[in-house]
């Protein structure tokens, strides 16, 4: 049975679950790490992704990575409620970062023809702006080599305690959930 002290007058989910800002940050980082870490490790260890174990290539593998990281019942509930959205968005963006064919797909029009150069340049710029934070995040995950504590400490020191890193600060906004 879950032990949660609900705050029914709170304006957002994490506060309703009685989570502090630090707990919310930890849960969000754990969600991001568990979404990317298995996939990144699989790309490092296997040339052919079909050879990687399913625990490295499936949503259930990401969930298996996430669950031991949750420290409280409130964090667990929060993480489970946001798991699909965060994991699918991050894995989708990660796929675009690593697949030139997917990027080419974006740069073609509905008829399968390449867009003119101006539209293509604008689409590339927009795609780069959207993918930059995910690319940076995936580099931190890759550097952690499967170690959440290293990832968490690196993000805390290099991003959260460094206001100059605005691209990643947006991803870790704790005012909303």
Protein backbone atom coordinates (compact mmCIF):
# COMPACT_ATOMS: atom_id res chain seq x y z
CA UNK A 1 0.00 0.00 0.00
CA UNK A 2 1.27 3.45 -0.93
CA UNK A 3 1.95 6.01 1.78
CA UNK A 4 1.29 9.51 0.46
CA UNK A 5 0.16 12.57 2.37
CA UNK A 6 -1.96 14.33 -0.25
CA UNK A 7 -2.24 18.10 -0.31
CA UNK A 8 -5.66 18.67 -1.86
CA UNK A 9 -5.28 22.45 -2.07
CA UNK A 10 -2.07 22.29 -4.15
CA UNK A 11 -2.05 23.71 -7.65
CA UNK A 12 0.10 21.05 -9.32
CA UNK A 13 0.61 17.30 -9.17
CA UNK A 14 3.97 17.20 -7.40
CA UNK A 15 2.73 19.47 -4.61
CA UNK A 16 -0.47 17.42 -4.38
CA UNK A 17 1.72 14.38 -3.81
CA UNK A 18 3.65 16.22 -1.10
CA UNK A 19 6.90 16.37 -3.09
CA UNK A 20 9.53 19.01 -2.44
CA UNK A 21 11.25 20.83 -5.32
CA UNK A 22 14.33 18.65 -4.77
CA UNK A 23 12.24 15.48 -4.94
CA UNK A 24 10.55 16.73 -8.11
CA UNK A 25 13.92 17.48 -9.69
CA UNK A 26 15.25 14.07 -8.69
CA UNK A 27 12.17 12.32 -10.12
CA UNK A 28 12.39 14.26 -13.40
CA UNK A 29 16.10 13.48 -13.74
CA UNK A 30 15.47 9.82 -12.97
CA UNK A 31 12.76 9.75 -15.66
CA UNK A 32 15.08 11.31 -18.22
CA UNK A 33 18.02 9.09 -17.29
CA UNK A 34 15.99 5.88 -17.36
CA UNK A 35 14.49 6.84 -20.72
CA UNK A 36 17.84 7.32 -22.44
CA UNK A 37 20.38 5.21 -20.56
CA UNK A 38 19.31 1.73 -21.76
CA UNK A 39 19.12 2.91 -25.38
CA UNK A 40 22.49 4.67 -25.22
CA UNK A 41 24.15 1.65 -23.61
CA UNK A 42 22.64 -0.57 -26.31
CA UNK A 43 24.07 1.63 -29.08
CA UNK A 44 27.49 1.53 -27.40
CA UNK A 45 27.53 -2.23 -26.85
CA UNK A 46 25.86 -3.55 -30.01
CA UNK A 47 26.51 -2.67 -33.65
CA UNK A 48 23.16 -4.18 -34.58
CA UNK A 49 20.35 -3.00 -32.30
CA UNK A 50 18.44 -6.22 -33.03
CA UNK A 51 21.13 -8.07 -31.07
CA UNK A 52 20.62 -5.94 -27.93
CA UNK A 53 18.55 -7.49 -25.13
CA UNK A 54 14.96 -6.27 -24.95
CA UNK A 55 15.69 -4.75 -21.53
CA UNK A 56 17.78 -2.17 -23.41
CA UNK A 57 15.39 -1.46 -26.25
CA UNK A 58 11.85 -1.46 -24.84
CA UNK A 59 9.72 0.83 -22.71
CA UNK A 60 9.55 -1.89 -20.07
CA UNK A 61 13.37 -1.85 -19.98
CA UNK A 62 13.28 1.89 -19.33
CA UNK A 63 10.70 1.33 -16.60
CA UNK A 64 12.87 -1.39 -15.07
CA UNK A 65 15.74 1.12 -14.92
CA UNK A 66 13.49 3.79 -13.37
CA UNK A 67 11.75 1.96 -10.55
CA UNK A 68 14.76 1.27 -8.27
CA UNK A 69 15.67 4.98 -8.47
CA UNK A 70 12.42 6.12 -6.86
CA UNK A 71 12.95 6.92 -3.17
CA UNK A 72 9.36 7.60 -2.06
CA UNK A 73 5.87 6.51 -2.95
CA UNK A 74 5.12 10.07 -4.10
CA UNK A 75 8.05 9.95 -6.52
CA UNK A 76 6.92 6.57 -7.80
CA UNK A 77 3.38 7.79 -8.51
CA UNK A 78 4.69 10.97 -10.16
CA UNK A 79 7.13 9.00 -12.31
CA UNK A 80 4.53 6.47 -13.40
CA UNK A 81 2.08 9.20 -14.37
CA UNK A 82 4.71 10.93 -16.54
CA UNK A 83 6.65 7.89 -17.75
CA UNK A 84 5.10 7.38 -21.19
CA UNK A 85 5.08 11.03 -22.16
CA UNK A 86 8.68 11.73 -21.15
CA UNK A 87 10.11 8.44 -22.38
CA UNK A 88 8.41 8.53 -25.78
CA UNK A 89 9.37 12.19 -26.34
CA UNK A 90 13.01 11.66 -25.37
CA UNK A 91 13.41 8.42 -27.32
CA UNK A 92 11.75 10.01 -30.34
CA UNK A 93 14.09 13.00 -30.21
CA UNK A 94 17.08 10.72 -29.60
CA UNK A 95 16.15 8.73 -32.71
CA UNK A 96 16.23 11.92 -34.81
CA UNK A 97 19.62 12.88 -33.40
CA UNK A 98 21.10 9.58 -34.55
CA UNK A 99 19.26 8.93 -37.83
CA UNK A 100 19.99 11.02 -40.93
CA UNK A 101 17.07 9.39 -42.77
CA UNK A 102 14.61 10.70 -40.17
CA UNK A 103 16.02 14.21 -40.56
CA UNK A 104 15.75 13.92 -44.36
CA UNK A 105 12.12 12.85 -43.88
CA UNK A 106 11.43 16.16 -42.11
CA UNK A 107 13.10 18.12 -44.90
CA UNK A 108 10.83 16.74 -47.61
CA UNK A 109 7.33 17.93 -48.44
CA UNK A 110 4.16 15.85 -48.47
CA UNK A 111 4.85 14.67 -52.03
CA UNK A 112 8.21 13.24 -51.01
CA UNK A 113 10.15 15.96 -52.81
CA UNK A 114 12.85 17.99 -51.11
CA UNK A 115 11.76 21.44 -49.98
CA UNK A 116 13.32 24.54 -51.48
CA UNK A 117 16.55 25.68 -49.82
CA UNK A 118 14.99 28.44 -47.68
CA UNK A 119 12.30 26.17 -46.21
CA UNK A 120 14.86 23.42 -45.74
CA UNK A 121 17.19 25.79 -43.86
CA UNK A 122 14.36 26.99 -41.63
CA UNK A 123 13.25 23.42 -40.86
CA UNK A 124 16.85 22.42 -40.06
CA UNK A 125 17.23 25.39 -37.73
CA UNK A 126 13.93 24.63 -35.96
CA UNK A 127 14.89 20.97 -35.62
CA UNK A 128 18.31 21.89 -34.23
CA UNK A 129 16.75 24.23 -31.65
CA UNK A 130 14.37 21.49 -30.52
CA UNK A 131 17.03 18.77 -30.41
CA UNK A 132 19.88 20.70 -28.76
CA UNK A 133 18.69 20.13 -25.15
CA UNK A 134 18.10 16.42 -25.85
CA UNK A 135 21.52 16.12 -27.46
CA UNK A 136 23.12 17.77 -24.41
CA UNK A 137 21.11 15.58 -22.04
CA UNK A 138 22.08 12.42 -23.93
CA UNK A 139 25.75 13.41 -23.64
CA UNK A 140 25.41 13.61 -19.84
CA UNK A 141 23.65 10.21 -19.82
CA UNK A 142 26.34 8.71 -22.07
CA UNK A 143 29.12 10.09 -19.85
CA UNK A 144 27.47 8.54 -16.78
CA UNK A 145 27.79 5.08 -18.37
CA UNK A 146 24.70 3.69 -16.65
CA UNK A 147 25.44 5.30 -13.27
CA UNK A 148 22.49 7.48 -12.19
CA UNK A 149 24.37 9.01 -9.24
CA UNK A 150 27.11 10.27 -11.57
CA UNK A 151 24.49 11.63 -14.00
CA UNK A 152 22.57 13.33 -11.18
CA UNK A 153 25.70 14.93 -9.71
CA UNK A 154 26.93 16.09 -13.13
CA UNK A 155 23.56 17.68 -13.95
CA UNK A 156 23.37 19.28 -10.53
CA UNK A 157 26.85 20.82 -10.70
CA UNK A 158 27.13 21.61 -14.42
CA UNK A 159 23.53 22.58 -15.18
CA UNK A 160 21.33 23.30 -12.18
CA UNK A 161 23.99 25.26 -10.29
CA UNK A 162 25.04 27.01 -13.54
CA UNK A 163 22.43 29.54 -14.73
CA UNK A 164 24.36 30.05 -18.00
CA UNK A 165 23.08 26.70 -19.27
CA UNK A 166 19.62 27.98 -20.28
CA UNK A 167 18.86 25.25 -22.85
CA UNK A 168 18.86 22.52 -20.22
CA UNK A 169 17.34 24.68 -17.48
CA UNK A 170 14.06 24.68 -19.43
CA UNK A 171 13.95 20.88 -19.32
CA UNK A 172 14.34 20.87 -15.55
CA UNK A 173 11.78 23.55 -14.70
CA UNK A 174 10.34 22.60 -11.30
CA UNK A 175 7.60 25.22 -11.31
CA UNK A 176 5.39 23.01 -13.45
CA UNK A 177 4.67 19.32 -13.71
